Amino acid sequence: MDLKLNGKDQHFDTDQMTVAALVEHLGLSRQPVAVELNKQLIPKRDHDTTSLADGDTVEVVTLVGGG
């Protein structure tokens, strides 16, 4: 599967992947993240059930606190 992830072309050795699986693959499953799929925000409650398709554009943003 080929995705555009945060503006860069990425290849994954799978034909099926959910948003949750991608977030886990990126090592971000324990952090608060926002995920946009093809310019649509995907609520966290839908990460497990939202499938990615070849050619999708995904933006993953981590939330960082500080001051």
PDB file of N, CA and C in Angstrom:
ATOM      1  N   MET A   1       0.849  -1.167   0.000  1.00  0.00           N
ATOM      2  CA  MET A   1       0.000   0.000   0.000  1.00  0.00           C
ATOM      3  C   MET A   1       0.896   1.233   0.000  1.00  0.00           C
ATOM      4  N   ASP A   2       0.580   2.176  -0.852  1.00  0.00           N
ATOM      5  CA  ASP A   2       1.311   3.433  -0.926  1.00  0.00           C
ATOM      6  C   ASP A   2       0.423   4.559  -0.405  1.00  0.00           C
ATOM      7  N   LEU A   3       0.956   5.328   0.534  1.00  0.00           N
ATOM      8  CA  LEU A   3       0.240   6.452   1.126  1.00  0.00           C
ATOM      9  C   LEU A   3       1.103   7.693   1.025  1.00  0.00           C
ATOM     10  N   LYS A   4       0.476   8.842   1.023  1.00  0.00           N
ATOM     11  CA  LYS A   4       1.193  10.095   1.216  1.00  0.00           C
ATOM     12  C   LYS A   4       0.993  10.420   2.690  1.00  0.00           C
ATOM     13  N   LEU A   5       2.052  10.280   3.474  1.00  0.00           N
ATOM     14  CA  LEU A   5       1.993  10.438   4.922  1.00  0.00           C
ATOM     15  C   LEU A   5       2.762  11.686   5.319  1.00  0.00           C
ATOM     16  N   ASN A   6       2.037  12.648   5.851  1.00  0.00           N
ATOM     17  CA  ASN A   6       2.642  13.919   6.252  1.00  0.00           C
ATOM     18  C   ASN A   6       3.481  14.523   5.124  1.00  0.00           C
ATOM     19  N   GLY A   7       2.919  14.453   3.915  1.00  0.00           N
ATOM     20  CA  GLY A   7       3.553  15.083   2.760  1.00  0.00           C
ATOM     21  C   GLY A   7       4.613  14.263   2.063  1.00  0.00           C
ATOM     22  N   LYS A   8       4.902  13.050   2.564  1.00  0.00           N
ATOM     23  CA  LYS A   8       5.927  12.216   1.951  1.00  0.00           C
ATOM     24  C   LYS A   8       5.330  10.894   1.491  1.00  0.00           C
ATOM     25  N   ASP A   9       5.777  10.417   0.346  1.00  0.00           N
ATOM     26  CA  ASP A   9       5.324   9.121  -0.147  1.00  0.00           C
ATOM     27  C   ASP A   9       5.909   8.017   0.722  1.00  0.00           C
ATOM     28  N   GLN A  10       5.045   7.103   1.165  1.00  0.00           N
ATOM     29  CA  GLN A  10       5.464   5.993   2.025  1.00  0.00           C
ATOM     30  C   GLN A  10       4.869   4.704   1.471  1.00  0.00           C
ATOM     31  N   HIS A  11       5.643   3.628   1.516  1.00  0.00           N
ATOM     32  CA  HIS A  11       5.152   2.312   1.105  1.00  0.00           C
ATOM     33  C   HIS A  11       5.049   1.427   2.340  1.00  0.00           C
ATOM     34  N   PHE A  12       3.950   0.682   2.437  1.00  0.00           N
ATOM     35  CA  PHE A  12       3.733  -0.263   3.528  1.00  0.00           C
ATOM     36  C   PHE A  12       3.503  -1.637   2.911  1.00  0.00           C
ATOM     37  N   ASP A  13       4.105  -2.653   3.496  1.00  0.00           N
ATOM     38  CA  ASP A  13       4.010  -4.024   2.980  1.00  0.00           C
ATOM     39  C   ASP A  13       2.722  -4.694   3.428  1.00  0.00           C
ATOM     40  N   THR A  14       1.601  -4.101   3.087  1.00  0.00           N
ATOM     41  CA  THR A  14       0.296  -4.650   3.408  1.00  0.00           C
ATOM     42  C   THR A  14      -0.723  -4.113   2.412  1.00  0.00           C
ATOM     43  N   ASP A  15      -1.792  -4.862   2.248  1.00  0.00           N
ATOM     44  CA  ASP A  15      -2.874  -4.396   1.387  1.00  0.00           C
ATOM     45  C   ASP A  15      -4.006  -3.778   2.192  1.00  0.00           C
ATOM     46  N   GLN A  16      -4.026  -4.044   3.502  1.00  0.00           N
ATOM     47  CA  GLN A  16      -5.094  -3.542   4.366  1.00  0.00           C
ATOM     48  C   GLN A  16      -4.490  -2.955   5.629  1.00  0.00           C
ATOM     49  N   MET A  17      -5.002  -1.778   6.017  1.00  0.00           N
ATOM     50  CA  MET A  17      -4.535  -1.142   7.234  1.00  0.00           C
ATOM     51  C   MET A  17      -5.609  -0.172   7.701  1.00  0.00           C
ATOM     52  N   THR A  18      -5.795  -0.122   9.009  1.00  0.00           N
ATOM     53  CA  THR A  18      -6.710   0.865   9.586  1.00  0.00           C
ATOM     54  C   THR A  18      -5.896   2.063  10.057  1.00  0.00           C
ATOM     55  N   VAL A  19      -6.593   3.131  10.371  1.00  0.00           N
ATOM     56  CA  VAL A  19      -5.930   4.303  10.945  1.00  0.00           C
ATOM     57  C   VAL A  19      -5.234   3.909  12.246  1.00  0.00           C
ATOM     58  N   ALA A  20      -5.902   3.112  13.081  1.00  0.00           N
ATOM     59  CA  ALA A  20      -5.305   2.683  14.353  1.00  0.00           C
ATOM     60  C   ALA A  20      -4.017   1.901  14.130  1.00  0.00           C
ATOM     61  N   ALA A  21      -4.003   1.023  13.141  1.00  0.00           N
ATOM     62  CA  ALA A  21      -2.799   0.241  12.840  1.00  0.00           C
ATOM     63  C   ALA A  21      -1.671   1.143  12.363  1.00  0.00           C
ATOM     64  N   LEU A  22      -1.979   2.149  11.581  1.00  0.00           N
ATOM     65  CA  LEU A  22      -0.956   3.095  11.131  1.00  0.00           C
ATOM     66  C   LEU A  22      -0.374   3.867  12.309  1.00  0.00           C
ATOM     67  N   VAL A  23      -1.242   4.351  13.186  1.00  0.00           N
ATOM     68  CA  VAL A  23      -0.787   5.096  14.359  1.00  0.00           C
ATOM     69  C   VAL A  23       0.120   4.205  15.220  1.00  0.00           C
ATOM     70  N   GLU A  24      -0.259   2.943  15.382  1.00  0.00           N
ATOM     71  CA  GLU A  24       0.570   2.015  16.150  1.00  0.00           C
ATOM     72  C   GLU A  24       1.903   1.766  15.447  1.00  0.00           C
ATOM     73  N   HIS A  25       1.861   1.572  14.137  1.00  0.00           N
ATOM     74  CA  HIS A  25       3.081   1.352  13.353  1.00  0.00           C
ATOM     75  C   HIS A  25       4.059   2.531  13.509  1.00  0.00           C
ATOM     76  N   LEU A  26       3.518   3.731  13.627  1.00  0.00           N
ATOM     77  CA  LEU A  26       4.345   4.930  13.785  1.00  0.00           C
ATOM     78  C   LEU A  26       4.846   5.106  15.211  1.00  0.00           C
ATOM     79  N   GLY A  27       4.415   4.231  16.117  1.00  0.00           N
ATOM     80  CA  GLY A  27       4.843   4.310  17.508  1.00  0.00           C
ATOM     81  C   GLY A  27       4.150   5.414  18.286  1.00  0.00           C
ATOM     82  N   LEU A  28       2.957   5.779  17.855  1.00  0.00           N
ATOM     83  CA  LEU A  28       2.251   6.909  18.467  1.00  0.00           C
ATOM     84  C   LEU A  28       0.974   6.492  19.194  1.00  0.00           C
ATOM     85  N   SER A  29       0.779   5.186  19.402  1.00  0.00           N
ATOM     86  CA  SER A  29      -0.485   4.718  19.968  1.00  0.00           C
ATOM     87  C   SER A  29      -0.707   5.163  21.406  1.00  0.00           C
ATOM     88  N   ARG A  30       0.335   5.541  22.109  1.00  0.00           N
ATOM     89  CA  ARG A  30       0.185   5.983  23.504  1.00  0.00           C
ATOM     90  C   ARG A  30       0.156   7.500  23.647  1.00  0.00           C
ATOM     91  N   GLN A  31       0.185   8.193  22.527  1.00  0.00           N
ATOM     92  CA  GLN A  31       0.189   9.654  22.546  1.00  0.00           C
ATOM     93  C   GLN A  31      -1.114  10.187  21.963  1.00  0.00           C
ATOM     94  N   PRO A  32      -1.525  11.374  22.404  1.00  0.00           N
ATOM     95  CA  PRO A  32      -2.679  11.988  21.741  1.00  0.00           C
ATOM     96  C   PRO A  32      -2.288  12.427  20.330  1.00  0.00           C
ATOM     97  N   VAL A  33      -3.075  12.003  19.349  1.00  0.00           N
ATOM     98  CA  VAL A  33      -2.801  12.366  17.961  1.00  0.00           C
ATOM     99  C   VAL A  33      -4.094  12.805  17.282  1.00  0.00           C
ATOM    100  N   ALA A  34      -3.935  13.617  16.262  1.00  0.00           N
ATOM    101  CA  ALA A  34      -5.038  13.969  15.370  1.00  0.00           C
ATOM    102  C   ALA A  34      -4.699  13.380  14.010  1.00  0.00           C
ATOM    103  N   VAL A  35      -5.682  12.757  13.377  1.00  0.00           N
ATOM    104  CA  VAL A  35      -5.456  12.120  12.076  1.00  0.00           C
ATOM    105  C   VAL A  35      -6.443  12.692  11.068  1.00  0.00           C
ATOM    106  N   GLU A  36      -5.883  13.144   9.954  1.00  0.00           N
ATOM    107  CA  GLU A  36      -6.682  13.643   8.844  1.00  0.00           C
ATOM    108  C   GLU A  36      -6.480  12.689   7.670  1.00  0.00           C
ATOM    109  N   LEU A  37      -7.572  12.184   7.131  1.00  0.00           N
ATOM    110  CA  LEU A  37      -7.534  11.264   6.002  1.00  0.00           C
ATOM    111  C   LEU A  37      -8.218  11.924   4.821  1.00  0.00           C
ATOM    112  N   ASN A  38      -7.453  12.173   3.768  1.00  0.00           N
ATOM    113  CA  ASN A  38      -7.985  12.827   2.572  1.00  0.00           C
ATOM    114  C   ASN A  38      -8.748  14.097   2.933  1.00  0.00           C
ATOM    115  N   LYS A  39      -8.111  14.906   3.780  1.00  0.00           N
ATOM    116  CA  LYS A  39      -8.617  16.219   4.208  1.00  0.00           C
ATOM    117  C   LYS A  39      -9.860  16.149   5.096  1.00  0.00           C
ATOM    118  N   GLN A  40     -10.106  14.977   5.718  1.00  0.00           N
ATOM    119  CA  GLN A  40     -11.228  14.830   6.636  1.00  0.00           C
ATOM    120  C   GLN A  40     -10.689  14.322   7.972  1.00  0.00           C
ATOM    121  N   LEU A  41     -11.006  15.045   9.048  1.00  0.00           N
ATOM    122  CA  LEU A  41     -10.566  14.650  10.383  1.00  0.00           C
ATOM    123  C   LEU A  41     -11.260  13.363  10.788  1.00  0.00           C
ATOM    124  N   ILE A  42     -10.491  12.403  11.279  1.00  0.00           N
ATOM    125  CA  ILE A  42     -11.037  11.127  11.716  1.00  0.00           C
ATOM    126  C   ILE A  42     -11.047  11.107  13.242  1.00  0.00           C
ATOM    127  N   PRO A  43     -12.229  11.077  13.860  1.00  0.00           N
ATOM    128  CA  PRO A  43     -12.293  11.029  15.324  1.00  0.00           C
ATOM    129  C   PRO A  43     -11.612   9.773  15.866  1.00  0.00           C
ATOM    130  N   LYS A  44     -11.019   9.885  17.041  1.00  0.00           N
ATOM    131  CA  LYS A  44     -10.309   8.756  17.651  1.00  0.00           C
ATOM    132  C   LYS A  44     -11.208   7.530  17.759  1.00  0.00           C
ATOM    133  N   ARG A  45     -12.483   7.738  18.055  1.00  0.00           N
ATOM    134  CA  ARG A  45     -13.401   6.597  18.200  1.00  0.00           C
ATOM    135  C   ARG A  45     -13.542   5.799  16.895  1.00  0.00           C
ATOM    136  N   ASP A  46     -13.164   6.399  15.763  1.00  0.00           N
ATOM    137  CA  ASP A  46     -13.279   5.734  14.470  1.00  0.00           C
ATOM    138  C   ASP A  46     -11.953   5.183  13.942  1.00  0.00           C
ATOM    139  N   HIS A  47     -10.866   5.348  14.683  1.00  0.00           N
ATOM    140  CA  HIS A  47      -9.557   4.892  14.203  1.00  0.00           C
ATOM    141  C   HIS A  47      -9.531   3.388  13.928  1.00  0.00           C
ATOM    142  N   ASP A  48     -10.197   2.592  14.787  1.00  0.00           N
ATOM    143  CA  ASP A  48     -10.175   1.133  14.616  1.00  0.00           C
ATOM    144  C   ASP A  48     -10.982   0.670  13.407  1.00  0.00           C
ATOM    145  N   THR A  49     -11.951   1.452  12.986  1.00  0.00           N
ATOM    146  CA  THR A  49     -12.859   1.006  11.923  1.00  0.00           C
ATOM    147  C   THR A  49     -12.653   1.734  10.590  1.00  0.00           C
ATOM    148  N   THR A  50     -11.745   2.701  10.561  1.00  0.00           N
ATOM    149  CA  THR A  50     -11.493   3.443   9.330  1.00  0.00           C
ATOM    150  C   THR A  50     -10.324   2.811   8.583  1.00  0.00           C
ATOM    151  N   SER A  51     -10.618   2.277   7.414  1.00  0.00           N
ATOM    152  CA  SER A  51      -9.594   1.618   6.601  1.00  0.00           C
ATOM    153  C   SER A  51      -8.912   2.610   5.675  1.00  0.00           C
ATOM    154  N   LEU A  52      -7.650   2.365   5.448  1.00  0.00           N
ATOM    155  CA  LEU A  52      -6.875   3.156   4.500  1.00  0.00           C
ATOM    156  C   LEU A  52      -6.842   2.429   3.165  1.00  0.00           C
ATOM    157  N   ALA A  53      -6.715   3.182   2.089  1.00  0.00           N
ATOM    158  CA  ALA A  53      -6.648   2.604   0.748  1.00  0.00           C
ATOM    159  C   ALA A  53      -5.407   3.132   0.042  1.00  0.00           C
ATOM    160  N   ASP A  54      -4.922   2.351  -0.898  1.00  0.00           N
ATOM    161  CA  ASP A  54      -3.770   2.742  -1.687  1.00  0.00           C
ATOM    162  C   ASP A  54      -4.004   4.128  -2.287  1.00  0.00           C
ATOM    163  N   GLY A  55      -3.036   5.020  -2.108  1.00  0.00           N
ATOM    164  CA  GLY A  55      -3.126   6.362  -2.659  1.00  0.00           C
ATOM    165  C   GLY A  55      -3.725   7.403  -1.728  1.00  0.00           C
ATOM    166  N   ASP A  56      -4.170   6.981  -0.528  1.00  0.00           N
ATOM    167  CA  ASP A  56      -4.728   7.944   0.427  1.00  0.00           C
ATOM    168  C   ASP A  56      -3.669   8.940   0.892  1.00  0.00           C
ATOM    169  N   THR A  57      -4.151  10.110   1.279  1.00  0.00           N
ATOM    170  CA  THR A  57      -3.310  11.138   1.883  1.00  0.00           C
ATOM    171  C   THR A  57      -3.651  11.217   3.361  1.00  0.00           C
ATOM    172  N   VAL A  58      -2.640  11.036   4.199  1.00  0.00           N
ATOM    173  CA  VAL A  58      -2.848  10.998   5.643  1.00  0.00           C
ATOM    174  C   VAL A  58      -1.923  12.006   6.314  1.00  0.00           C
ATOM    175  N   GLU A  59      -2.493  12.787   7.204  1.00  0.00           N
ATOM    176  CA  GLU A  59      -1.705  13.681   8.056  1.00  0.00           C
ATOM    177  C   GLU A  59      -1.889  13.222   9.492  1.00  0.00           C
ATOM    178  N   VAL A  60      -0.789  12.983  10.191  1.00  0.00           N
ATOM    179  CA  VAL A  60      -0.827  12.593  11.601  1.00  0.00           C
ATOM    180  C   VAL A  60      -0.084  13.657  12.383  1.00  0.00           C
ATOM    181  N   VAL A  61      -0.774  14.257  13.339  1.00  0.00           N
ATOM    182  CA  VAL A  61      -0.205  15.331  14.127  1.00  0.00           C
ATOM    183  C   VAL A  61      -0.220  14.919  15.595  1.00  0.00           C
ATOM    184  N   THR A  62       0.934  15.003  16.236  1.00  0.00           N
ATOM    185  CA  THR A  62       0.991  14.730  17.673  1.00  0.00           C
ATOM    186  C   THR A  62       0.761  16.031  18.434  1.00  0.00           C
ATOM    187  N   LEU A  63       0.192  15.892  19.600  1.00  0.00           N
ATOM    188  CA  LEU A  63      -0.077  17.052  20.435  1.00  0.00           C
ATOM    189  C   LEU A  63       1.018  17.122  21.495  1.00  0.00           C
ATOM    190  N   VAL A  64       1.655  18.276  21.572  1.00  0.00           N
ATOM    191  CA  VAL A  64       2.777  18.471  22.490  1.00  0.00           C
ATOM    192  C   VAL A  64       2.453  19.608  23.426  1.00  0.00           C
ATOM    193  N   GLY A  65       2.618  19.359  24.712  1.00  0.00           N
ATOM    194  CA  GLY A  65       2.424  20.421  25.703  1.00  0.00           C
ATOM    195  C   GLY A  65       3.752  21.064  26.029  1.00  0.00           C
ATOM    196  N   GLY A  66       3.681  22.182  26.662  1.00  0.00           N
ATOM    197  CA  GLY A  66       4.909  22.860  27.055  1.00  0.00           C
ATOM    198  C   GLY A  66       4.651  24.332  27.255  1.00  0.00           C
ATOM    199  N   GLY A  67       5.710  25.018  27.552  1.00  0.00           N
ATOM    200  CA  GLY A  67       5.498  26.427  27.778  1.00  0.00           C
ATOM    201  C   GLY A  67       6.714  27.247  27.693  1.00  0.00           C
TER     202      GLY A  67
END
